[in-house]
């Protein structure tokens, strides 16, 4: 079995921006993404899956090469961080069938 070293970009934020982030990630070179509902607590307080205003918190993840990861993180940080509850991080991953992500 061969493992491919790639990057996992994870973005958690208000649902109102997550579809745009997912689509932009693909435009920037990701071959796909996974999006799920999320809940938690952080510097901006508790975020439930469904808050009183009806807004949800979601998580979108991309498995990508480093060059694409940097593009996605730059886009997210420059476009959304100032105006939305949003966080992003990068992790090393080893992927089976990783050639699909290149």
C-alpha atoms as a PDB file:
ATOM      1  CA  UNK A   1       0.000   0.000   0.000  1.00  0.00           C
ATOM      2  CA  UNK A   2       1.339   3.418  -0.935  1.00  0.00           C
ATOM      3  CA  UNK A   3       0.575   6.527   1.099  1.00  0.00           C
ATOM      4  CA  UNK A   4       0.732   9.998  -0.435  1.00  0.00           C
ATOM      5  CA  UNK A   5       1.732  12.992   1.728  1.00  0.00           C
ATOM      6  CA  UNK A   6      -0.800  15.777   1.246  1.00  0.00           C
ATOM      7  CA  UNK A   7      -2.359  18.606   3.269  1.00  0.00           C
ATOM      8  CA  UNK A   8      -5.750  18.771   4.932  1.00  0.00           C
ATOM      9  CA  UNK A   9      -7.211  22.273   4.897  1.00  0.00           C
ATOM     10  CA  UNK A  10     -10.099  22.665   7.329  1.00  0.00           C
ATOM     11  CA  UNK A  11     -12.318  25.744   7.474  1.00  0.00           C
ATOM     12  CA  UNK A  12     -15.067  26.176  10.069  1.00  0.00           C
ATOM     13  CA  UNK A  13     -17.426  29.105   9.807  1.00  0.00           C
ATOM     14  CA  UNK A  14     -20.878  30.503   9.320  1.00  0.00           C
ATOM     15  CA  UNK A  15     -22.924  28.509   6.820  1.00  0.00           C
ATOM     16  CA  UNK A  16     -23.660  31.650   4.795  1.00  0.00           C
ATOM     17  CA  UNK A  17     -20.050  31.629   3.490  1.00  0.00           C
ATOM     18  CA  UNK A  18     -19.243  27.927   3.335  1.00  0.00           C
ATOM     19  CA  UNK A  19     -20.667  27.138  -0.116  1.00  0.00           C
ATOM     20  CA  UNK A  20     -18.627  30.005  -1.552  1.00  0.00           C
ATOM     21  CA  UNK A  21     -15.483  28.764   0.213  1.00  0.00           C
ATOM     22  CA  UNK A  22     -16.047  25.230  -1.104  1.00  0.00           C
ATOM     23  CA  UNK A  23     -16.568  26.441  -4.687  1.00  0.00           C
ATOM     24  CA  UNK A  24     -13.563  28.766  -4.527  1.00  0.00           C
ATOM     25  CA  UNK A  25     -11.404  25.931  -3.153  1.00  0.00           C
ATOM     26  CA  UNK A  26     -12.225  23.884  -6.247  1.00  0.00           C
ATOM     27  CA  UNK A  27     -11.467  26.870  -8.503  1.00  0.00           C
ATOM     28  CA  UNK A  28      -8.100  27.208  -6.751  1.00  0.00           C
ATOM     29  CA  UNK A  29      -7.179  23.590  -7.513  1.00  0.00           C
ATOM     30  CA  UNK A  30      -8.875  21.240  -5.043  1.00  0.00           C
ATOM     31  CA  UNK A  31     -10.372  18.184  -6.724  1.00  0.00           C
ATOM     32  CA  UNK A  32     -13.256  18.149  -4.240  1.00  0.00           C
ATOM     33  CA  UNK A  33     -14.292  18.822  -0.664  1.00  0.00           C
ATOM     34  CA  UNK A  34     -16.288  17.453   2.257  1.00  0.00           C
ATOM     35  CA  UNK A  35     -18.766  19.688   4.081  1.00  0.00           C
ATOM     36  CA  UNK A  36     -20.465  18.871   7.390  1.00  0.00           C
ATOM     37  CA  UNK A  37     -22.456  20.688  10.064  1.00  0.00           C
ATOM     38  CA  UNK A  38     -20.389  21.638  13.103  1.00  0.00           C
ATOM     39  CA  UNK A  39     -20.826  22.889  16.650  1.00  0.00           C
ATOM     40  CA  UNK A  40     -18.353  24.163  19.214  1.00  0.00           C
ATOM     41  CA  UNK A  41     -17.074  27.041  21.273  1.00  0.00           C
ATOM     42  CA  UNK A  42     -14.250  29.464  20.632  1.00  0.00           C
ATOM     43  CA  UNK A  43     -13.146  33.073  20.907  1.00  0.00           C
ATOM     44  CA  UNK A  44     -16.472  34.299  19.548  1.00  0.00           C
ATOM     45  CA  UNK A  45     -18.514  32.213  21.985  1.00  0.00           C
ATOM     46  CA  UNK A  46     -20.523  29.034  21.581  1.00  0.00           C
ATOM     47  CA  UNK A  47     -21.668  28.106  18.091  1.00  0.00           C
ATOM     48  CA  UNK A  48     -24.436  25.552  17.895  1.00  0.00           C
ATOM     49  CA  UNK A  49     -25.323  23.660  14.758  1.00  0.00           C
ATOM     50  CA  UNK A  50     -28.465  25.807  14.612  1.00  0.00           C
ATOM     51  CA  UNK A  51     -28.276  29.125  16.472  1.00  0.00           C
ATOM     52  CA  UNK A  52     -31.246  31.324  17.310  1.00  0.00           C
ATOM     53  CA  UNK A  53     -30.889  33.390  14.130  1.00  0.00           C
ATOM     54  CA  UNK A  54     -31.142  30.246  12.016  1.00  0.00           C
ATOM     55  CA  UNK A  55     -27.503  30.439  10.903  1.00  0.00           C
ATOM     56  CA  UNK A  56     -25.565  27.201  11.069  1.00  0.00           C
ATOM     57  CA  UNK A  57     -21.897  26.552  11.566  1.00  0.00           C
ATOM     58  CA  UNK A  58     -20.296  24.258   9.017  1.00  0.00           C
ATOM     59  CA  UNK A  59     -16.930  22.697   8.333  1.00  0.00           C
ATOM     60  CA  UNK A  60     -15.423  22.232   4.876  1.00  0.00           C
ATOM     61  CA  UNK A  61     -12.308  20.138   4.299  1.00  0.00           C
ATOM     62  CA  UNK A  62      -9.997  19.844   1.310  1.00  0.00           C
ATOM     63  CA  UNK A  63      -7.215  17.275   0.770  1.00  0.00           C
ATOM     64  CA  UNK A  64      -4.725  19.020  -1.487  1.00  0.00           C
ATOM     65  CA  UNK A  65      -1.053  19.565  -2.338  1.00  0.00           C
ATOM     66  CA  UNK A  66       0.703  22.356  -0.409  1.00  0.00           C
ATOM     67  CA  UNK A  67       0.487  24.865  -3.273  1.00  0.00           C
ATOM     68  CA  UNK A  68      -3.300  24.569  -3.347  1.00  0.00           C
ATOM     69  CA  UNK A  69      -3.539  24.639   0.453  1.00  0.00           C
ATOM     70  CA  UNK A  70      -1.711  27.964   0.546  1.00  0.00           C
ATOM     71  CA  UNK A  71      -4.046  29.449  -2.083  1.00  0.00           C
ATOM     72  CA  UNK A  72      -7.163  28.332  -0.183  1.00  0.00           C
ATOM     73  CA  UNK A  73      -5.895  29.611   3.171  1.00  0.00           C
ATOM     74  CA  UNK A  74      -4.889  32.956   1.652  1.00  0.00           C
ATOM     75  CA  UNK A  75      -8.306  33.363   0.019  1.00  0.00           C
ATOM     76  CA  UNK A  76     -10.207  32.463   3.189  1.00  0.00           C
ATOM     77  CA  UNK A  77      -8.115  34.673   5.468  1.00  0.00           C
ATOM     78  CA  UNK A  78      -8.232  37.717   3.177  1.00  0.00           C
ATOM     79  CA  UNK A  79     -11.899  37.403   2.233  1.00  0.00           C
ATOM     80  CA  UNK A  80     -13.729  36.213   5.366  1.00  0.00           C
ATOM     81  CA  UNK A  81     -11.772  36.565   8.610  1.00  0.00           C
ATOM     82  CA  UNK A  82     -12.556  40.241   9.218  1.00  0.00           C
ATOM     83  CA  UNK A  83     -16.335  39.989   8.791  1.00  0.00           C
ATOM     84  CA  UNK A  84     -17.365  36.429   9.727  1.00  0.00           C
ATOM     85  CA  UNK A  85     -16.908  33.940  12.545  1.00  0.00           C
ATOM     86  CA  UNK A  86     -14.440  31.702  10.748  1.00  0.00           C
ATOM     87  CA  UNK A  87     -11.269  29.718  11.464  1.00  0.00           C
ATOM     88  CA  UNK A  88      -8.978  27.703   9.204  1.00  0.00           C
ATOM     89  CA  UNK A  89      -6.096  25.322   9.775  1.00  0.00           C
ATOM     90  CA  UNK A  90      -3.676  23.086   7.947  1.00  0.00           C
ATOM     91  CA  UNK A  91      -2.577  19.549   8.844  1.00  0.00           C
ATOM     92  CA  UNK A  92      -0.321  16.951   7.300  1.00  0.00           C
ATOM     93  CA  UNK A  93      -2.119  13.818   6.105  1.00  0.00           C
ATOM     94  CA  UNK A  94      -1.114  10.565   4.432  1.00  0.00           C
ATOM     95  CA  UNK A  95      -3.702   9.458   1.880  1.00  0.00           C
ATOM     96  CA  UNK A  96      -4.368   6.130   0.239  1.00  0.00           C
ATOM     97  CA  UNK A  97      -5.206   6.651  -3.452  1.00  0.00           C
ATOM     98  CA  UNK A  98      -3.598  10.057  -3.157  1.00  0.00           C
ATOM     99  CA  UNK A  99      -2.939  10.302  -6.881  1.00  0.00           C
ATOM    100  CA  UNK A 100      -6.590  11.391  -7.158  1.00  0.00           C
ATOM    101  CA  UNK A 101      -5.709  14.640  -5.369  1.00  0.00           C
ATOM    102  CA  UNK A 102      -2.800  15.674  -7.585  1.00  0.00           C
END
